[in-house]
């Protein structure tokens, strides 16, 4: 006779198996995946195209942040 734990495990196994089958049969998400991949390709392409400008922008921002914090004096804050 099958124990409760074995029966529970068997039910979970069959539910998981059916969920996996359903996932692979369902085609509704295919167009969304293609759209996401296309957007990622465009973003990466633009990043590569403008990498020098992006690097300069980030360098300038970091320099501005460090200059501001280097000149910070706690006694100026009231």
PDB file of N, CA and C in Angstrom:
ATOM      1  N   UNK A   1       0.838  -1.174   0.000  1.00  0.00           N
ATOM      2  CA  UNK A   1       0.000   0.000   0.000  1.00  0.00           C
ATOM      3  C   UNK A   1       0.894   1.252   0.000  1.00  0.00           C
ATOM      4  N   UNK A   2       0.462   2.289  -0.700  1.00  0.00           N
ATOM      5  CA  UNK A   2       1.238   3.500  -0.853  1.00  0.00           C
ATOM      6  C   UNK A   2       1.033   4.415   0.360  1.00  0.00           C
ATOM      7  N   UNK A   3       2.118   4.972   0.858  1.00  0.00           N
ATOM      8  CA  UNK A   3       2.020   5.878   2.007  1.00  0.00           C
ATOM      9  C   UNK A   3       1.496   7.239   1.538  1.00  0.00           C
ATOM     10  N   UNK A   4       1.097   8.061   2.499  1.00  0.00           N
ATOM     11  CA  UNK A   4       0.590   9.400   2.158  1.00  0.00           C
ATOM     12  C   UNK A   4       1.673  10.239   1.486  1.00  0.00           C
ATOM     13  N   UNK A   5       2.907  10.111   1.953  1.00  0.00           N
ATOM     14  CA  UNK A   5       4.019  10.876   1.370  1.00  0.00           C
ATOM     15  C   UNK A   5       4.261  10.460  -0.068  1.00  0.00           C
ATOM     16  N   UNK A   6       4.193   9.167  -0.340  1.00  0.00           N
ATOM     17  CA  UNK A   6       4.394   8.679  -1.709  1.00  0.00           C
ATOM     18  C   UNK A   6       3.271   9.148  -2.620  1.00  0.00           C
ATOM     19  N   UNK A   7       2.055   9.106  -2.135  1.00  0.00           N
ATOM     20  CA  UNK A   7       0.913   9.568  -2.919  1.00  0.00           C
ATOM     21  C   UNK A   7       1.027  11.067  -3.199  1.00  0.00           C
ATOM     22  N   UNK A   8       1.416  11.821  -2.182  1.00  0.00           N
ATOM     23  CA  UNK A   8       1.597  13.270  -2.342  1.00  0.00           C
ATOM     24  C   UNK A   8       2.682  13.563  -3.376  1.00  0.00           C
ATOM     25  N   UNK A   9       3.786  12.837  -3.301  1.00  0.00           N
ATOM     26  CA  UNK A   9       4.885  13.029  -4.251  1.00  0.00           C
ATOM     27  C   UNK A   9       4.442  12.669  -5.668  1.00  0.00           C
ATOM     28  N   UNK A  10       3.661  11.619  -5.819  1.00  0.00           N
ATOM     29  CA  UNK A  10       3.185  11.199  -7.125  1.00  0.00           C
ATOM     30  C   UNK A  10       2.259  12.252  -7.740  1.00  0.00           C
ATOM     31  N   UNK A  11       1.364  12.811  -6.922  1.00  0.00           N
ATOM     32  CA  UNK A  11       0.456  13.857  -7.410  1.00  0.00           C
ATOM     33  C   UNK A  11       1.254  15.082  -7.841  1.00  0.00           C
ATOM     34  N   UNK A  12       2.225  15.494  -7.049  1.00  0.00           N
ATOM     35  CA  UNK A  12       3.061  16.652  -7.397  1.00  0.00           C
ATOM     36  C   UNK A  12       3.847  16.396  -8.678  1.00  0.00           C
ATOM     37  N   UNK A  13       4.338  15.172  -8.841  1.00  0.00           N
ATOM     38  CA  UNK A  13       5.083  14.801 -10.045  1.00  0.00           C
ATOM     39  C   UNK A  13       4.200  14.949 -11.276  1.00  0.00           C
ATOM     40  N   UNK A  14       2.978  14.428 -11.223  1.00  0.00           N
ATOM     41  CA  UNK A  14       2.082  14.496 -12.382  1.00  0.00           C
ATOM     42  C   UNK A  14       1.659  15.928 -12.676  1.00  0.00           C
ATOM     43  N   UNK A  15       1.434  16.723 -11.649  1.00  0.00           N
ATOM     44  CA  UNK A  15       1.071  18.132 -11.861  1.00  0.00           C
ATOM     45  C   UNK A  15       2.222  18.894 -12.514  1.00  0.00           C
ATOM     46  N   UNK A  16       3.441  18.637 -12.064  1.00  0.00           N
ATOM     47  CA  UNK A  16       4.610  19.296 -12.646  1.00  0.00           C
ATOM     48  C   UNK A  16       4.791  18.861 -14.091  1.00  0.00           C
ATOM     49  N   UNK A  17       4.600  17.591 -14.355  1.00  0.00           N
ATOM     50  CA  UNK A  17       4.743  17.067 -15.715  1.00  0.00           C
ATOM     51  C   UNK A  17       3.717  17.717 -16.648  1.00  0.00           C
ATOM     52  N   UNK A  18       2.489  17.852 -16.203  1.00  0.00           N
ATOM     53  CA  UNK A  18       1.448  18.487 -17.017  1.00  0.00           C
ATOM     54  C   UNK A  18       1.735  19.977 -17.219  1.00  0.00           C
ATOM     55  N   UNK A  19       2.255  20.628 -16.206  1.00  0.00           N
ATOM     56  CA  UNK A  19       2.586  22.049 -16.325  1.00  0.00           C
ATOM     57  C   UNK A  19       3.701  22.251 -17.346  1.00  0.00           C
ATOM     58  N   UNK A  20       4.684  21.384 -17.359  1.00  0.00           N
ATOM     59  CA  UNK A  20       5.781  21.495 -18.322  1.00  0.00           C
ATOM     60  C   UNK A  20       5.266  21.240 -19.734  1.00  0.00           C
ATOM     61  N   UNK A  21       4.411  20.236 -19.899  1.00  0.00           N
ATOM     62  CA  UNK A  21       3.817  19.980 -21.214  1.00  0.00           C
ATOM     63  C   UNK A  21       3.030  21.187 -21.704  1.00  0.00           C
ATOM     64  N   UNK A  22       2.233  21.758 -20.827  1.00  0.00           N
ATOM     65  CA  UNK A  22       1.429  22.919 -21.178  1.00  0.00           C
ATOM     66  C   UNK A  22       2.311  24.102 -21.559  1.00  0.00           C
ATOM     67  N   UNK A  23       3.402  24.294 -20.835  1.00  0.00           N
ATOM     68  CA  UNK A  23       4.322  25.400 -21.121  1.00  0.00           C
ATOM     69  C   UNK A  23       4.901  25.280 -22.522  1.00  0.00           C
ATOM     70  N   UNK A  24       5.315  24.085 -22.919  1.00  0.00           N
ATOM     71  CA  UNK A  24       5.922  23.911 -24.226  1.00  0.00           C
ATOM     72  C   UNK A  24       4.904  23.921 -25.356  1.00  0.00           C
ATOM     73  N   UNK A  25       3.648  23.597 -25.080  1.00  0.00           N
ATOM     74  CA  UNK A  25       2.613  23.612 -26.113  1.00  0.00           C
ATOM     75  C   UNK A  25       2.063  25.012 -26.355  1.00  0.00           C
ATOM     76  N   UNK A  26       2.076  25.836 -25.342  1.00  0.00           N
ATOM     77  CA  UNK A  26       1.492  27.169 -25.448  1.00  0.00           C
ATOM     78  C   UNK A  26       2.381  28.060 -26.304  1.00  0.00           C
ATOM     79  N   UNK A  27       1.789  28.750 -27.257  1.00  0.00           N
ATOM     80  CA  UNK A  27       2.554  29.595 -28.178  1.00  0.00           C
ATOM     81  C   UNK A  27       2.271  31.072 -27.987  1.00  0.00           C
ATOM     82  N   UNK A  28       1.462  31.420 -27.027  1.00  0.00           N
ATOM     83  CA  UNK A  28       1.043  32.800 -26.848  1.00  0.00           C
ATOM     84  C   UNK A  28       2.218  33.732 -26.523  1.00  0.00           C
ATOM     85  N   UNK A  29       3.237  33.265 -25.839  1.00  0.00           N
ATOM     86  CA  UNK A  29       4.342  34.119 -25.427  1.00  0.00           C
ATOM     87  C   UNK A  29       5.455  34.254 -26.447  1.00  0.00           C
ATOM     88  N   UNK A  30       5.359  33.538 -27.566  1.00  0.00           N
ATOM     89  CA  UNK A  30       6.437  33.567 -28.549  1.00  0.00           C
ATOM     90  C   UNK A  30       6.674  34.956 -29.117  1.00  0.00           C
ATOM     91  N   UNK A  31       5.622  35.672 -29.457  1.00  0.00           N
ATOM     92  CA  UNK A  31       5.795  37.004 -30.040  1.00  0.00           C
ATOM     93  C   UNK A  31       6.392  37.964 -29.026  1.00  0.00           C
ATOM     94  N   UNK A  32       6.077  37.792 -27.756  1.00  0.00           N
ATOM     95  CA  UNK A  32       6.633  38.663 -26.726  1.00  0.00           C
ATOM     96  C   UNK A  32       8.134  38.412 -26.560  1.00  0.00           C
ATOM     97  N   UNK A  33       8.534  37.180 -26.639  1.00  0.00           N
ATOM     98  CA  UNK A  33       9.953  36.848 -26.514  1.00  0.00           C
ATOM     99  C   UNK A  33      10.740  37.455 -27.672  1.00  0.00           C
ATOM    100  N   UNK A  34      10.190  37.343 -28.869  1.00  0.00           N
ATOM    101  CA  UNK A  34      10.858  37.916 -30.045  1.00  0.00           C
ATOM    102  C   UNK A  34      10.954  39.431 -29.917  1.00  0.00           C
ATOM    103  N   UNK A  35       9.905  40.069 -29.423  1.00  0.00           N
ATOM    104  CA  UNK A  35       9.924  41.526 -29.252  1.00  0.00           C
ATOM    105  C   UNK A  35      10.975  41.942 -28.233  1.00  0.00           C
ATOM    106  N   UNK A  36      11.076  41.206 -27.139  1.00  0.00           N
ATOM    107  CA  UNK A  36      12.071  41.532 -26.111  1.00  0.00           C
ATOM    108  C   UNK A  36      13.478  41.371 -26.669  1.00  0.00           C
ATOM    109  N   UNK A  37      13.713  40.293 -27.401  1.00  0.00           N
ATOM    110  CA  UNK A  37      15.035  40.073 -27.997  1.00  0.00           C
ATOM    111  C   UNK A  37      15.366  41.182 -28.988  1.00  0.00           C
ATOM    112  N   UNK A  38      14.388  41.591 -29.792  1.00  0.00           N
ATOM    113  CA  UNK A  38      14.609  42.665 -30.760  1.00  0.00           C
ATOM    114  C   UNK A  38      14.950  43.975 -30.063  1.00  0.00           C
ATOM    115  N   UNK A  39      14.243  44.299 -28.995  1.00  0.00           N
ATOM    116  CA  UNK A  39      14.535  45.522 -28.243  1.00  0.00           C
ATOM    117  C   UNK A  39      15.936  45.454 -27.643  1.00  0.00           C
ATOM    118  N   UNK A  40      16.313  44.293 -27.093  1.00  0.00           N
ATOM    119  CA  UNK A  40      17.660  44.153 -26.529  1.00  0.00           C
ATOM    120  C   UNK A  40      18.737  44.333 -27.588  1.00  0.00           C
ATOM    121  N   UNK A  41      18.510  43.789 -28.776  1.00  0.00           N
ATOM    122  CA  UNK A  41      19.483  43.951 -29.868  1.00  0.00           C
ATOM    123  C   UNK A  41      19.619  45.426 -30.236  1.00  0.00           C
ATOM    124  N   UNK A  42      18.513  46.138 -30.292  1.00  0.00           N
ATOM    125  CA  UNK A  42      18.564  47.563 -30.628  1.00  0.00           C
ATOM    126  C   UNK A  42      19.289  48.352 -29.546  1.00  0.00           C
ATOM    127  N   UNK A  43      19.001  48.062 -28.290  1.00  0.00           N
ATOM    128  CA  UNK A  43      19.653  48.787 -27.184  1.00  0.00           C
ATOM    129  C   UNK A  43      21.158  48.523 -27.176  1.00  0.00           C
ATOM    130  N   UNK A  44      21.546  47.266 -27.365  1.00  0.00           N
ATOM    131  CA  UNK A  44      22.976  46.942 -27.396  1.00  0.00           C
ATOM    132  C   UNK A  44      23.645  47.612 -28.591  1.00  0.00           C
ATOM    133  N   UNK A  45      22.979  47.618 -29.741  1.00  0.00           N
ATOM    134  CA  UNK A  45      23.534  48.287 -30.925  1.00  0.00           C
ATOM    135  C   UNK A  45      23.736  49.772 -30.698  1.00  0.00           C
ATOM    136  N   UNK A  46      22.744  50.425 -30.088  1.00  0.00           N
ATOM    137  CA  UNK A  46      22.885  51.853 -29.793  1.00  0.00           C
ATOM    138  C   UNK A  46      23.982  52.105 -28.773  1.00  0.00           C
ATOM    139  N   UNK A  47      24.099  51.236 -27.791  1.00  0.00           N
ATOM    140  CA  UNK A  47      25.158  51.392 -26.784  1.00  0.00           C
ATOM    141  C   UNK A  47      26.529  51.271 -27.443  1.00  0.00           C
ATOM    142  N   UNK A  48      26.667  50.323 -28.362  1.00  0.00           N
ATOM    143  CA  UNK A  48      27.944  50.183 -29.068  1.00  0.00           C
ATOM    144  C   UNK A  48      28.214  51.377 -29.970  1.00  0.00           C
ATOM    145  N   UNK A  49      27.165  51.884 -30.609  1.00  0.00           N
ATOM    146  CA  UNK A  49      27.322  53.023 -31.510  1.00  0.00           C
ATOM    147  C   UNK A  49      27.746  54.287 -30.761  1.00  0.00           C
ATOM    148  N   UNK A  50      27.193  54.488 -29.584  1.00  0.00           N
ATOM    149  CA  UNK A  50      27.468  55.703 -28.816  1.00  0.00           C
ATOM    150  C   UNK A  50      28.328  55.434 -27.584  1.00  0.00           C
ATOM    151  N   UNK A  51      29.158  54.398 -27.610  1.00  0.00           N
ATOM    152  CA  UNK A  51      29.919  54.033 -26.415  1.00  0.00           C
ATOM    153  C   UNK A  51      30.888  55.119 -25.971  1.00  0.00           C
ATOM    154  N   UNK A  52      31.478  55.866 -26.907  1.00  0.00           N
ATOM    155  CA  UNK A  52      32.399  56.941 -26.507  1.00  0.00           C
ATOM    156  C   UNK A  52      31.643  58.069 -25.812  1.00  0.00           C
ATOM    157  N   UNK A  53      30.474  58.423 -26.352  1.00  0.00           N
ATOM    158  CA  UNK A  53      29.676  59.481 -25.727  1.00  0.00           C
ATOM    159  C   UNK A  53      29.177  59.043 -24.353  1.00  0.00           C
ATOM    160  N   UNK A  54      28.769  57.793 -24.230  1.00  0.00           N
ATOM    161  CA  UNK A  54      28.296  57.273 -22.943  1.00  0.00           C
ATOM    162  C   UNK A  54      29.436  57.253 -21.929  1.00  0.00           C
ATOM    163  N   UNK A  55      30.620  56.837 -22.373  1.00  0.00           N
ATOM    164  CA  UNK A  55      31.781  56.798 -21.478  1.00  0.00           C
ATOM    165  C   UNK A  55      32.132  58.209 -21.005  1.00  0.00           C
ATOM    166  N   UNK A  56      32.086  59.173 -21.908  1.00  0.00           N
ATOM    167  CA  UNK A  56      32.394  60.557 -21.534  1.00  0.00           C
ATOM    168  C   UNK A  56      31.353  61.094 -20.559  1.00  0.00           C
ATOM    169  N   UNK A  57      30.083  60.813 -20.814  1.00  0.00           N
ATOM    170  CA  UNK A  57      29.017  61.259 -19.921  1.00  0.00           C
ATOM    171  C   UNK A  57      29.193  60.677 -18.519  1.00  0.00           C
ATOM    172  N   UNK A  58      29.467  59.386 -18.445  1.00  0.00           N
ATOM    173  CA  UNK A  58      29.649  58.754 -17.134  1.00  0.00           C
ATOM    174  C   UNK A  58      30.896  59.269 -16.428  1.00  0.00           C
ATOM    175  N   UNK A  59      31.962  59.498 -17.168  1.00  0.00           N
ATOM    176  CA  UNK A  59      33.190  60.048 -16.579  1.00  0.00           C
ATOM    177  C   UNK A  59      32.940  61.442 -16.022  1.00  0.00           C
ATOM    178  N   UNK A  60      32.238  62.270 -16.799  1.00  0.00           N
ATOM    179  CA  UNK A  60      31.929  63.629 -16.328  1.00  0.00           C
ATOM    180  C   UNK A  60      31.029  63.607 -15.097  1.00  0.00           C
ATOM    181  N   UNK A  61      30.036  62.727 -15.100  1.00  0.00           N
ATOM    182  CA  UNK A  61      29.157  62.621 -13.940  1.00  0.00           C
ATOM    183  C   UNK A  61      29.922  62.173 -12.703  1.00  0.00           C
ATOM    184  N   UNK A  62      30.783  61.183 -12.865  1.00  0.00           N
ATOM    185  CA  UNK A  62      31.560  60.684 -11.725  1.00  0.00           C
ATOM    186  C   UNK A  62      32.506  61.768 -11.205  1.00  0.00           C
ATOM    187  N   UNK A  63      33.114  62.522 -12.122  1.00  0.00           N
ATOM    188  CA  UNK A  63      34.014  63.613 -11.725  1.00  0.00           C
ATOM    189  C   UNK A  63      33.236  64.675 -10.953  1.00  0.00           C
ATOM    190  N   UNK A  64      32.051  65.001 -11.417  1.00  0.00           N
ATOM    191  CA  UNK A  64      31.209  65.984 -10.739  1.00  0.00           C
ATOM    192  C   UNK A  64      30.836  65.493  -9.341  1.00  0.00           C
ATOM    193  N   UNK A  65      30.491  64.240  -9.222  1.00  0.00           N
ATOM    194  CA  UNK A  65      30.125  63.680  -7.911  1.00  0.00           C
ATOM    195  C   UNK A  65      31.310  63.708  -6.961  1.00  0.00           C
ATOM    196  N   UNK A  66      32.472  63.266  -7.427  1.00  0.00           N
ATOM    197  CA  UNK A  66      33.639  63.233  -6.542  1.00  0.00           C
ATOM    198  C   UNK A  66      34.116  64.634  -6.186  1.00  0.00           C
ATOM    199  N   UNK A  67      34.030  65.584  -7.118  1.00  0.00           N
ATOM    200  CA  UNK A  67      34.414  66.961  -6.799  1.00  0.00           C
ATOM    201  C   UNK A  67      33.491  67.558  -5.748  1.00  0.00           C
ATOM    202  N   UNK A  68      32.207  67.261  -5.869  1.00  0.00           N
ATOM    203  CA  UNK A  68      31.241  67.787  -4.913  1.00  0.00           C
ATOM    204  C   UNK A  68      31.471  67.196  -3.524  1.00  0.00           C
ATOM    205  N   UNK A  69      31.726  65.907  -3.461  1.00  0.00           N
ATOM    206  CA  UNK A  69      31.937  65.277  -2.157  1.00  0.00           C
ATOM    207  C   UNK A  69      33.288  65.633  -1.562  1.00  0.00           C
ATOM    208  N   UNK A  70      34.275  65.910  -2.402  1.00  0.00           N
ATOM    209  CA  UNK A  70      35.586  66.313  -1.882  1.00  0.00           C
ATOM    210  C   UNK A  70      35.505  67.687  -1.207  1.00  0.00           C
ATOM    211  N   UNK A  71      34.628  68.545  -1.714  1.00  0.00           N
ATOM    212  CA  UNK A  71      34.500  69.903  -1.174  1.00  0.00           C
ATOM    213  C   UNK A  71      33.434  69.997  -0.086  1.00  0.00           C
ATOM    214  N   UNK A  72      32.860  68.882   0.303  1.00  0.00           N
ATOM    215  CA  UNK A  72      31.788  68.874   1.300  1.00  0.00           C
ATOM    216  C   UNK A  72      32.349  69.117   2.691  1.00  0.00           C
ATOM    217  N   UNK A  73      31.723  70.039   3.403  1.00  0.00           N
ATOM    218  CA  UNK A  73      32.108  70.319   4.779  1.00  0.00           C
ATOM    219  C   UNK A  73      30.851  70.143   5.645  1.00  0.00           C
ATOM    220  N   UNK A  74      30.889  69.235   6.600  1.00  0.00           N
ATOM    221  CA  UNK A  74      29.700  68.975   7.425  1.00  0.00           C
ATOM    222  C   UNK A  74      29.212  70.213   8.205  1.00  0.00           C
ATOM    223  N   UNK A  75      30.097  71.108   8.530  1.00  0.00           N
ATOM    224  CA  UNK A  75      29.671  72.267   9.303  1.00  0.00           C
ATOM    225  C   UNK A  75      28.853  73.244   8.452  1.00  0.00           C
ATOM    226  N   UNK A  76      28.891  73.107   7.121  1.00  0.00           N
ATOM    227  CA  UNK A  76      28.086  73.977   6.250  1.00  0.00           C
ATOM    228  C   UNK A  76      26.609  73.570   6.258  1.00  0.00           C
ATOM    229  N   UNK A  77      26.323  72.369   6.687  1.00  0.00           N
ATOM    230  CA  UNK A  77      24.952  71.880   6.708  1.00  0.00           C
ATOM    231  C   UNK A  77      24.286  72.319   8.010  1.00  0.00           C
ATOM    232  N   UNK A  78      23.124  72.947   7.909  1.00  0.00           N
ATOM    233  CA  UNK A  78      22.423  73.417   9.121  1.00  0.00           C
ATOM    234  C   UNK A  78      21.004  72.992   9.090  1.00  0.00           C
TER     235      UNK A  78
END
